[in-house]
Amino acid sequence: MTESELVIDLRGRRIETLDDFWDAVTGPRGLPDWFGRNLDAWADTIHGRGISDVIDRHSALSVHVDRAGIFAANDPAARALGEVFDGEQNKLVVHAL
């Protein structure tokens, strides 16, 4: 693993559900077809590594989203997703529109 940060910039993409989030991060981020598309699978991917070669090549991960869709208010799904990120090695950054 190299000392670098992978930035996944989802700004401009409306994310209304966790399924929308999984759609946004699955293909181009190297997640396999068997990726579980749930919070436990995401935690394994970003903390345990060994699931995505794309993510594994970096020492840090930042996912940037707009404060829209599930990230617009205190949505339980967005809150649960945010809790998976540790805020140090793996960050979810929510930007004001």
PDB file of N, CA and C in Angstrom:
ATOM      1  N   MET A   1       0.845  -1.177   0.000  1.00  0.00           N
ATOM      2  CA  MET A   1       0.000   0.000   0.000  1.00  0.00           C
ATOM      3  C   MET A   1       0.893   1.243   0.000  1.00  0.00           C
ATOM      4  N   THR A   2       0.584   2.190  -0.861  1.00  0.00           N
ATOM      5  CA  THR A   2       1.350   3.424  -0.902  1.00  0.00           C
ATOM      6  C   THR A   2       0.744   4.443   0.050  1.00  0.00           C
ATOM      7  N   GLU A   3       1.527   5.444   0.388  1.00  0.00           N
ATOM      8  CA  GLU A   3       1.042   6.520   1.248  1.00  0.00           C
ATOM      9  C   GLU A   3       0.350   7.562   0.387  1.00  0.00           C
ATOM     10  N   SER A   4      -0.910   7.338   0.103  1.00  0.00           N
ATOM     11  CA  SER A   4      -1.666   8.281  -0.712  1.00  0.00           C
ATOM     12  C   SER A   4      -3.131   8.221  -0.316  1.00  0.00           C
ATOM     13  N   GLU A   5      -3.859   9.232  -0.750  1.00  0.00           N
ATOM     14  CA  GLU A   5      -5.280   9.304  -0.441  1.00  0.00           C
ATOM     15  C   GLU A   5      -6.090   9.095  -1.708  1.00  0.00           C
ATOM     16  N   LEU A   6      -7.067   8.210  -1.622  1.00  0.00           N
ATOM     17  CA  LEU A   6      -8.035   8.033  -2.693  1.00  0.00           C
ATOM     18  C   LEU A   6      -9.206   8.952  -2.394  1.00  0.00           C
ATOM     19  N   VAL A   7      -9.515   9.837  -3.321  1.00  0.00           N
ATOM     20  CA  VAL A   7     -10.645  10.745  -3.167  1.00  0.00           C
ATOM     21  C   VAL A   7     -11.757  10.276  -4.098  1.00  0.00           C
ATOM     22  N   ILE A   8     -12.892   9.962  -3.521  1.00  0.00           N
ATOM     23  CA  ILE A   8     -14.084   9.615  -4.294  1.00  0.00           C
ATOM     24  C   ILE A   8     -15.013  10.812  -4.199  1.00  0.00           C
ATOM     25  N   ASP A   9     -15.125  11.550  -5.284  1.00  0.00           N
ATOM     26  CA  ASP A   9     -15.912  12.785  -5.297  1.00  0.00           C
ATOM     27  C   ASP A   9     -17.274  12.515  -5.921  1.00  0.00           C
ATOM     28  N   LEU A  10     -18.281  12.451  -5.079  1.00  0.00           N
ATOM     29  CA  LEU A  10     -19.644  12.191  -5.527  1.00  0.00           C
ATOM     30  C   LEU A  10     -20.487  13.467  -5.561  1.00  0.00           C
ATOM     31  N   ARG A  11     -19.831  14.616  -5.408  1.00  0.00           N
ATOM     32  CA  ARG A  11     -20.578  15.876  -5.477  1.00  0.00           C
ATOM     33  C   ARG A  11     -21.203  16.008  -6.857  1.00  0.00           C
ATOM     34  N   GLY A  12     -22.426  16.498  -6.876  1.00  0.00           N
ATOM     35  CA  GLY A  12     -23.155  16.612  -8.130  1.00  0.00           C
ATOM     36  C   GLY A  12     -23.989  15.380  -8.442  1.00  0.00           C
ATOM     37  N   ARG A  13     -23.787  14.339  -7.698  1.00  0.00           N
ATOM     38  CA  ARG A  13     -24.563  13.110  -7.878  1.00  0.00           C
ATOM     39  C   ARG A  13     -25.578  13.016  -6.744  1.00  0.00           C
ATOM     40  N   ARG A  14     -26.834  12.953  -7.078  1.00  0.00           N
ATOM     41  CA  ARG A  14     -27.890  12.888  -6.068  1.00  0.00           C
ATOM     42  C   ARG A  14     -27.918  11.482  -5.455  1.00  0.00           C
ATOM     43  N   ILE A  15     -27.835  11.427  -4.171  1.00  0.00           N
ATOM     44  CA  ILE A  15     -27.856  10.151  -3.455  1.00  0.00           C
ATOM     45  C   ILE A  15     -29.053  10.184  -2.512  1.00  0.00           C
ATOM     46  N   GLU A  16     -30.093   9.478  -2.923  1.00  0.00           N
ATOM     47  CA  GLU A  16     -31.349   9.455  -2.166  1.00  0.00           C
ATOM     48  C   GLU A  16     -31.443   8.285  -1.194  1.00  0.00           C
ATOM     49  N   THR A  17     -30.684   7.226  -1.474  1.00  0.00           N
ATOM     50  CA  THR A  17     -30.734   6.007  -0.659  1.00  0.00           C
ATOM     51  C   THR A  17     -29.322   5.433  -0.534  1.00  0.00           C
ATOM     52  N   LEU A  18     -29.170   4.491   0.374  1.00  0.00           N
ATOM     53  CA  LEU A  18     -27.890   3.803   0.456  1.00  0.00           C
ATOM     54  C   LEU A  18     -27.611   3.019  -0.823  1.00  0.00           C
ATOM     55  N   ASP A  19     -28.645   2.508  -1.475  1.00  0.00           N
ATOM     56  CA  ASP A  19     -28.430   1.829  -2.762  1.00  0.00           C
ATOM     57  C   ASP A  19     -27.802   2.774  -3.777  1.00  0.00           C
ATOM     58  N   ASP A  20     -28.217   4.043  -3.773  1.00  0.00           N
ATOM     59  CA  ASP A  20     -27.594   5.029  -4.657  1.00  0.00           C
ATOM     60  C   ASP A  20     -26.112   5.196  -4.319  1.00  0.00           C
ATOM     61  N   PHE A  21     -25.798   5.185  -3.033  1.00  0.00           N
ATOM     62  CA  PHE A  21     -24.397   5.288  -2.610  1.00  0.00           C
ATOM     63  C   PHE A  21     -23.617   4.071  -3.091  1.00  0.00           C
ATOM     64  N   TRP A  22     -24.173   2.863  -2.888  1.00  0.00           N
ATOM     65  CA  TRP A  22     -23.474   1.649  -3.329  1.00  0.00           C
ATOM     66  C   TRP A  22     -23.259   1.685  -4.843  1.00  0.00           C
ATOM     67  N   ASP A  23     -24.276   2.138  -5.593  1.00  0.00           N
ATOM     68  CA  ASP A  23     -24.121   2.259  -7.049  1.00  0.00           C
ATOM     69  C   ASP A  23     -22.953   3.182  -7.401  1.00  0.00           C
ATOM     70  N   ALA A  24     -22.819   4.264  -6.649  1.00  0.00           N
ATOM     71  CA  ALA A  24     -21.788   5.263  -6.938  1.00  0.00           C
ATOM     72  C   ALA A  24     -20.382   4.769  -6.628  1.00  0.00           C
ATOM     73  N   VAL A  25     -20.245   3.920  -5.633  1.00  0.00           N
ATOM     74  CA  VAL A  25     -18.900   3.490  -5.235  1.00  0.00           C
ATOM     75  C   VAL A  25     -18.510   2.107  -5.741  1.00  0.00           C
ATOM     76  N   THR A  26     -19.433   1.334  -6.259  1.00  0.00           N
ATOM     77  CA  THR A  26     -19.134  -0.052  -6.620  1.00  0.00           C
ATOM     78  C   THR A  26     -18.231  -0.190  -7.839  1.00  0.00           C
ATOM     79  N   GLY A  27     -18.694   0.184  -9.011  1.00  0.00           N
ATOM     80  CA  GLY A  27     -17.975  -0.086 -10.257  1.00  0.00           C
ATOM     81  C   GLY A  27     -16.589   0.508 -10.347  1.00  0.00           C
ATOM     82  N   PRO A  28     -16.493   1.837 -10.417  1.00  0.00           N
ATOM     83  CA  PRO A  28     -15.179   2.443 -10.640  1.00  0.00           C
ATOM     84  C   PRO A  28     -14.227   2.332  -9.443  1.00  0.00           C
ATOM     85  N   ARG A  29     -14.706   1.908  -8.300  1.00  0.00           N
ATOM     86  CA  ARG A  29     -13.843   1.810  -7.117  1.00  0.00           C
ATOM     87  C   ARG A  29     -13.353   0.389  -6.908  1.00  0.00           C
ATOM     88  N   GLY A  30     -13.606  -0.480  -7.874  1.00  0.00           N
ATOM     89  CA  GLY A  30     -13.047  -1.821  -7.836  1.00  0.00           C
ATOM     90  C   GLY A  30     -13.736  -2.789  -6.902  1.00  0.00           C
ATOM     91  N   LEU A  31     -14.980  -2.501  -6.515  1.00  0.00           N
ATOM     92  CA  LEU A  31     -15.683  -3.444  -5.656  1.00  0.00           C
ATOM     93  C   LEU A  31     -16.221  -4.591  -6.507  1.00  0.00           C
ATOM     94  N   PRO A  32     -16.021  -5.813  -6.069  1.00  0.00           N
ATOM     95  CA  PRO A  32     -16.430  -6.973  -6.865  1.00  0.00           C
ATOM     96  C   PRO A  32     -17.956  -7.135  -6.902  1.00  0.00           C
ATOM     97  N   ASP A  33     -18.427  -7.946  -7.834  1.00  0.00           N
ATOM     98  CA  ASP A  33     -19.865  -8.207  -7.957  1.00  0.00           C
ATOM     99  C   ASP A  33     -20.446  -8.768  -6.667  1.00  0.00           C
ATOM    100  N   TRP A  34     -19.650  -9.497  -5.907  1.00  0.00           N
ATOM    101  CA  TRP A  34     -20.145 -10.113  -4.679  1.00  0.00           C
ATOM    102  C   TRP A  34     -20.124  -9.163  -3.476  1.00  0.00           C
ATOM    103  N   PHE A  35     -19.727  -7.893  -3.686  1.00  0.00           N
ATOM    104  CA  PHE A  35     -19.735  -6.906  -2.595  1.00  0.00           C
ATOM    105  C   PHE A  35     -21.136  -6.855  -1.983  1.00  0.00           C
ATOM    106  N   GLY A  36     -21.215  -6.890  -0.677  1.00  0.00           N
ATOM    107  CA  GLY A  36     -22.476  -7.027   0.046  1.00  0.00           C
ATOM    108  C   GLY A  36     -23.434  -5.856   0.019  1.00  0.00           C
ATOM    109  N   ARG A  37     -22.993  -4.672  -0.407  1.00  0.00           N
ATOM    110  CA  ARG A  37     -23.864  -3.496  -0.484  1.00  0.00           C
ATOM    111  C   ARG A  37     -24.599  -3.236   0.841  1.00  0.00           C
ATOM    112  N   ASN A  38     -23.846  -3.290   1.919  1.00  0.00           N
ATOM    113  CA  ASN A  38     -24.402  -2.968   3.236  1.00  0.00           C
ATOM    114  C   ASN A  38     -23.285  -2.361   4.078  1.00  0.00           C
ATOM    115  N   LEU A  39     -23.656  -1.840   5.234  1.00  0.00           N
ATOM    116  CA  LEU A  39     -22.686  -1.131   6.067  1.00  0.00           C
ATOM    117  C   LEU A  39     -21.566  -2.034   6.564  1.00  0.00           C
ATOM    118  N   ASP A  40     -21.873  -3.279   6.895  1.00  0.00           N
ATOM    119  CA  ASP A  40     -20.824  -4.200   7.348  1.00  0.00           C
ATOM    120  C   ASP A  40     -19.820  -4.471   6.238  1.00  0.00           C
ATOM    121  N   ALA A  41     -20.322  -4.689   5.017  1.00  0.00           N
ATOM    122  CA  ALA A  41     -19.425  -4.930   3.883  1.00  0.00           C
ATOM    123  C   ALA A  41     -18.562  -3.700   3.604  1.00  0.00           C
ATOM    124  N   TRP A  42     -19.147  -2.497   3.717  1.00  0.00           N
ATOM    125  CA  TRP A  42     -18.385  -1.263   3.499  1.00  0.00           C
ATOM    126  C   TRP A  42     -17.308  -1.119   4.574  1.00  0.00           C
ATOM    127  N   ALA A  43     -17.669  -1.415   5.830  1.00  0.00           N
ATOM    128  CA  ALA A  43     -16.680  -1.344   6.916  1.00  0.00           C
ATOM    129  C   ALA A  43     -15.523  -2.307   6.653  1.00  0.00           C
ATOM    130  N   ASP A  44     -15.830  -3.526   6.221  1.00  0.00           N
ATOM    131  CA  ASP A  44     -14.771  -4.482   5.886  1.00  0.00           C
ATOM    132  C   ASP A  44     -13.889  -3.945   4.767  1.00  0.00           C
ATOM    133  N   THR A  45     -14.506  -3.284   3.789  1.00  0.00           N
ATOM    134  CA  THR A  45     -13.774  -2.764   2.636  1.00  0.00           C
ATOM    135  C   THR A  45     -12.823  -1.644   3.015  1.00  0.00           C
ATOM    136  N   ILE A  46     -13.291  -0.701   3.822  1.00  0.00           N
ATOM    137  CA  ILE A  46     -12.455   0.472   4.110  1.00  0.00           C
ATOM    138  C   ILE A  46     -11.554   0.296   5.329  1.00  0.00           C
ATOM    139  N   HIS A  47     -11.901  -0.600   6.238  1.00  0.00           N
ATOM    140  CA  HIS A  47     -11.069  -0.804   7.427  1.00  0.00           C
ATOM    141  C   HIS A  47     -10.195  -2.044   7.305  1.00  0.00           C
ATOM    142  N   GLY A  48     -10.795  -3.149   6.915  1.00  0.00           N
ATOM    143  CA  GLY A  48     -10.057  -4.401   6.841  1.00  0.00           C
ATOM    144  C   GLY A  48      -9.264  -4.549   5.562  1.00  0.00           C
ATOM    145  N   ARG A  49      -9.749  -3.870   4.502  1.00  0.00           N
ATOM    146  CA  ARG A  49      -9.134  -3.939   3.176  1.00  0.00           C
ATOM    147  C   ARG A  49      -9.191  -5.374   2.644  1.00  0.00           C
ATOM    148  N   GLY A  50      -8.584  -5.595   1.479  1.00  0.00           N
ATOM    149  CA  GLY A  50      -8.581  -6.913   0.873  1.00  0.00           C
ATOM    150  C   GLY A  50      -9.779  -7.199  -0.022  1.00  0.00           C
ATOM    151  N   ILE A  51     -10.653  -6.222  -0.227  1.00  0.00           N
ATOM    152  CA  ILE A  51     -11.841  -6.425  -1.063  1.00  0.00           C
ATOM    153  C   ILE A  51     -11.722  -5.658  -2.376  1.00  0.00           C
ATOM    154  N   SER A  52     -11.188  -4.455  -2.322  1.00  0.00           N
ATOM    155  CA  SER A  52     -11.057  -3.612  -3.514  1.00  0.00           C
ATOM    156  C   SER A  52      -9.591  -3.274  -3.750  1.00  0.00           C
ATOM    157  N   ASP A  53      -9.054  -3.718  -4.885  1.00  0.00           N
ATOM    158  CA  ASP A  53      -7.670  -3.368  -5.218  1.00  0.00           C
ATOM    159  C   ASP A  53      -7.494  -1.864  -5.347  1.00  0.00           C
ATOM    160  N   VAL A  54      -8.523  -1.174  -5.844  1.00  0.00           N
ATOM    161  CA  VAL A  54      -8.450   0.286  -6.013  1.00  0.00           C
ATOM    162  C   VAL A  54      -8.303   0.964  -4.655  1.00  0.00           C
ATOM    163  N   ILE A  55      -9.151   0.609  -3.720  1.00  0.00           N
ATOM    164  CA  ILE A  55      -9.088   1.207  -2.380  1.00  0.00           C
ATOM    165  C   ILE A  55      -7.815   0.754  -1.655  1.00  0.00           C
ATOM    166  N   ASP A  56      -7.445  -0.509  -1.814  1.00  0.00           N
ATOM    167  CA  ASP A  56      -6.278  -1.051  -1.112  1.00  0.00           C
ATOM    168  C   ASP A  56      -4.963  -0.396  -1.521  1.00  0.00           C
ATOM    169  N   ARG A  57      -4.889   0.184  -2.710  1.00  0.00           N
ATOM    170  CA  ARG A  57      -3.652   0.835  -3.168  1.00  0.00           C
ATOM    171  C   ARG A  57      -3.385   2.161  -2.454  1.00  0.00           C
ATOM    172  N   HIS A  58      -4.305   2.597  -1.607  1.00  0.00           N
ATOM    173  CA  HIS A  58      -4.173   3.888  -0.933  1.00  0.00           C
ATOM    174  C   HIS A  58      -4.223   3.702   0.578  1.00  0.00           C
ATOM    175  N   SER A  59      -3.525   4.566   1.262  1.00  0.00           N
ATOM    176  CA  SER A  59      -3.494   4.481   2.725  1.00  0.00           C
ATOM    177  C   SER A  59      -4.659   5.223   3.367  1.00  0.00           C
ATOM    178  N   ALA A  60      -5.319   6.089   2.607  1.00  0.00           N
ATOM    179  CA  ALA A  60      -6.442   6.861   3.146  1.00  0.00           C
ATOM    180  C   ALA A  60      -7.521   6.972   2.079  1.00  0.00           C
ATOM    181  N   LEU A  61      -8.748   7.197   2.548  1.00  0.00           N
ATOM    182  CA  LEU A  61      -9.903   7.313   1.668  1.00  0.00           C
ATOM    183  C   LEU A  61     -10.761   8.484   2.120  1.00  0.00           C
ATOM    184  N   SER A  62     -11.131   9.354   1.190  1.00  0.00           N
ATOM    185  CA  SER A  62     -12.079  10.428   1.469  1.00  0.00           C
ATOM    186  C   SER A  62     -13.206  10.342   0.447  1.00  0.00           C
ATOM    187  N   VAL A  63     -14.435  10.317   0.940  1.00  0.00           N
ATOM    188  CA  VAL A  63     -15.609  10.328   0.083  1.00  0.00           C
ATOM    189  C   VAL A  63     -16.309  11.665   0.284  1.00  0.00           C
ATOM    190  N   HIS A  64     -16.474  12.413  -0.807  1.00  0.00           N
ATOM    191  CA  HIS A  64     -17.094  13.736  -0.765  1.00  0.00           C
ATOM    192  C   HIS A  64     -18.485  13.666  -1.360  1.00  0.00           C
ATOM    193  N   VAL A  65     -19.462  14.189  -0.632  1.00  0.00           N
ATOM    194  CA  VAL A  65     -20.853  14.204  -1.086  1.00  0.00           C
ATOM    195  C   VAL A  65     -21.436  15.593  -0.851  1.00  0.00           C
ATOM    196  N   ASP A  66     -22.506  15.892  -1.575  1.00  0.00           N
ATOM    197  CA  ASP A  66     -23.255  17.128  -1.348  1.00  0.00           C
ATOM    198  C   ASP A  66     -24.219  16.937  -0.180  1.00  0.00           C
ATOM    199  N   ARG A  67     -24.534  18.038   0.487  1.00  0.00           N
ATOM    200  CA  ARG A  67     -25.556  18.019   1.525  1.00  0.00           C
ATOM    201  C   ARG A  67     -26.911  18.044   0.815  1.00  0.00           C
ATOM    202  N   ALA A  68     -27.263  16.897   0.238  1.00  0.00           N
ATOM    203  CA  ALA A  68     -28.501  16.724  -0.517  1.00  0.00           C
ATOM    204  C   ALA A  68     -28.925  15.276  -0.380  1.00  0.00           C
ATOM    205  N   GLY A  69     -30.136  14.961  -0.792  1.00  0.00           N
ATOM    206  CA  GLY A  69     -30.623  13.591  -0.684  1.00  0.00           C
ATOM    207  C   GLY A  69     -30.561  13.114   0.755  1.00  0.00           C
ATOM    208  N   ILE A  70     -29.999  11.933   0.972  1.00  0.00           N
ATOM    209  CA  ILE A  70     -29.945  11.411   2.348  1.00  0.00           C
ATOM    210  C   ILE A  70     -28.990  12.213   3.232  1.00  0.00           C
ATOM    211  N   PHE A  71     -28.123  13.003   2.622  1.00  0.00           N
ATOM    212  CA  PHE A  71     -27.175  13.801   3.399  1.00  0.00           C
ATOM    213  C   PHE A  71     -27.702  15.198   3.718  1.00  0.00           C
ATOM    214  N   ALA A  72     -28.952  15.503   3.330  1.00  0.00           N
ATOM    215  CA  ALA A  72     -29.515  16.840   3.523  1.00  0.00           C
ATOM    216  C   ALA A  72     -29.970  17.081   4.954  1.00  0.00           C
ATOM    217  N   ALA A  73     -30.428  16.061   5.605  1.00  0.00           N
ATOM    218  CA  ALA A  73     -30.965  16.217   6.956  1.00  0.00           C
ATOM    219  C   ALA A  73     -30.364  15.138   7.845  1.00  0.00           C
ATOM    220  N   ASN A  74     -30.979  14.922   8.954  1.00  0.00           N
ATOM    221  CA  ASN A  74     -30.488  13.929   9.902  1.00  0.00           C
ATOM    222  C   ASN A  74     -31.049  12.552   9.553  1.00  0.00           C
ATOM    223  N   ASP A  75     -30.815  12.115   8.333  1.00  0.00           N
ATOM    224  CA  ASP A  75     -31.325  10.833   7.849  1.00  0.00           C
ATOM    225  C   ASP A  75     -30.612   9.688   8.562  1.00  0.00           C
ATOM    226  N   PRO A  76     -31.359   8.717   9.092  1.00  0.00           N
ATOM    227  CA  PRO A  76     -30.727   7.606   9.810  1.00  0.00           C
ATOM    228  C   PRO A  76     -29.749   6.802   8.953  1.00  0.00           C
ATOM    229  N   ALA A  77     -30.056   6.622   7.669  1.00  0.00           N
ATOM    230  CA  ALA A  77     -29.155   5.863   6.795  1.00  0.00           C
ATOM    231  C   ALA A  77     -27.837   6.604   6.601  1.00  0.00           C
ATOM    232  N   ALA A  78     -27.908   7.900   6.383  1.00  0.00           N
ATOM    233  CA  ALA A  78     -26.692   8.696   6.213  1.00  0.00           C
ATOM    234  C   ALA A  78     -25.885   8.736   7.509  1.00  0.00           C
ATOM    235  N   ARG A  79     -26.579   8.839   8.626  1.00  0.00           N
ATOM    236  CA  ARG A  79     -25.900   8.856   9.919  1.00  0.00           C
ATOM    237  C   ARG A  79     -25.176   7.524  10.154  1.00  0.00           C
ATOM    238  N   ALA A  80     -25.845   6.414   9.849  1.00  0.00           N
ATOM    239  CA  ALA A  80     -25.224   5.096  10.010  1.00  0.00           C
ATOM    240  C   ALA A  80     -24.023   4.938   9.082  1.00  0.00           C
ATOM    241  N   LEU A  81     -24.149   5.404   7.848  1.00  0.00           N
ATOM    242  CA  LEU A  81     -23.025   5.347   6.915  1.00  0.00           C
ATOM    243  C   LEU A  81     -21.860   6.181   7.444  1.00  0.00           C
ATOM    244  N   GLY A  82     -22.146   7.381   7.924  1.00  0.00           N
ATOM    245  CA  GLY A  82     -21.097   8.248   8.451  1.00  0.00           C
ATOM    246  C   GLY A  82     -20.351   7.638   9.620  1.00  0.00           C
ATOM    247  N   GLU A  83     -21.047   6.836  10.412  1.00  0.00           N
ATOM    248  CA  GLU A  83     -20.420   6.204  11.572  1.00  0.00           C
ATOM    249  C   GLU A  83     -19.432   5.105  11.178  1.00  0.00           C
ATOM    250  N   VAL A  84     -19.531   4.591   9.954  1.00  0.00           N
ATOM    251  CA  VAL A  84     -18.593   3.568   9.488  1.00  0.00           C
ATOM    252  C   VAL A  84     -17.216   4.176   9.239  1.00  0.00           C
ATOM    253  N   PHE A  85     -17.183   5.431   8.816  1.00  0.00           N
ATOM    254  CA  PHE A  85     -15.919   6.124   8.582  1.00  0.00           C
ATOM    255  C   PHE A  85     -15.292   6.488   9.914  1.00  0.00           C
ATOM    256  N   ASP A  86     -13.959   6.352  10.020  1.00  0.00           N
ATOM    257  CA  ASP A  86     -13.300   6.638  11.299  1.00  0.00           C
ATOM    258  C   ASP A  86     -12.877   8.101  11.448  1.00  0.00           C
ATOM    259  N   GLY A  87     -12.958   8.883  10.381  1.00  0.00           N
ATOM    260  CA  GLY A  87     -12.598  10.299  10.453  1.00  0.00           C
ATOM    261  C   GLY A  87     -11.108  10.560  10.362  1.00  0.00           C
ATOM    262  N   GLU A  88     -10.313   9.526  10.299  1.00  0.00           N
ATOM    263  CA  GLU A  88      -8.863   9.678  10.181  1.00  0.00           C
ATOM    264  C   GLU A  88      -8.364   9.032   8.891  1.00  0.00           C
ATOM    265  N   GLN A  89      -8.343   7.707   8.864  1.00  0.00           N
ATOM    266  CA  GLN A  89      -7.911   7.003   7.660  1.00  0.00           C
ATOM    267  C   GLN A  89      -9.009   7.045   6.592  1.00  0.00           C
ATOM    268  N   ASN A  90     -10.255   7.053   7.021  1.00  0.00           N
ATOM    269  CA  ASN A  90     -11.409   7.023   6.126  1.00  0.00           C
ATOM    270  C   ASN A  90     -12.365   8.140   6.524  1.00  0.00           C
ATOM    271  N   LYS A  91     -12.642   9.057   5.583  1.00  0.00           N
ATOM    272  CA  LYS A  91     -13.453  10.239   5.904  1.00  0.00           C
ATOM    273  C   LYS A  91     -14.639  10.358   4.957  1.00  0.00           C
ATOM    274  N   LEU A  92     -15.769  10.738   5.510  1.00  0.00           N
ATOM    275  CA  LEU A  92     -16.925  11.147   4.718  1.00  0.00           C
ATOM    276  C   LEU A  92     -17.045  12.654   4.890  1.00  0.00           C
ATOM    277  N   VAL A  93     -16.935  13.394   3.801  1.00  0.00           N
ATOM    278  CA  VAL A  93     -16.974  14.855   3.838  1.00  0.00           C
ATOM    279  C   VAL A  93     -18.255  15.309   3.154  1.00  0.00           C
ATOM    280  N   VAL A  94     -19.120  15.986   3.910  1.00  0.00           N
ATOM    281  CA  VAL A  94     -20.398  16.459   3.392  1.00  0.00           C
ATOM    282  C   VAL A  94     -20.268  17.968   3.131  1.00  0.00           C
ATOM    283  N   HIS A  95     -20.466  18.358   1.875  1.00  0.00           N
ATOM    284  CA  HIS A  95     -20.306  19.745   1.450  1.00  0.00           C
ATOM    285  C   HIS A  95     -21.648  20.454   1.333  1.00  0.00           C
ATOM    286  N   ALA A  96     -21.694  21.700   1.790  1.00  0.00           N
ATOM    287  CA  ALA A  96     -22.880  22.523   1.601  1.00  0.00           C
ATOM    288  C   ALA A  96     -23.032  22.819   0.114  1.00  0.00           C
ATOM    289  N   LEU A  97     -24.259  22.924  -0.317  1.00  0.00           N
ATOM    290  CA  LEU A  97     -24.501  23.246  -1.743  1.00  0.00           C
ATOM    291  C   LEU A  97     -24.289  24.719  -2.003  1.00  0.00           C
TER     292      LEU A  97
END
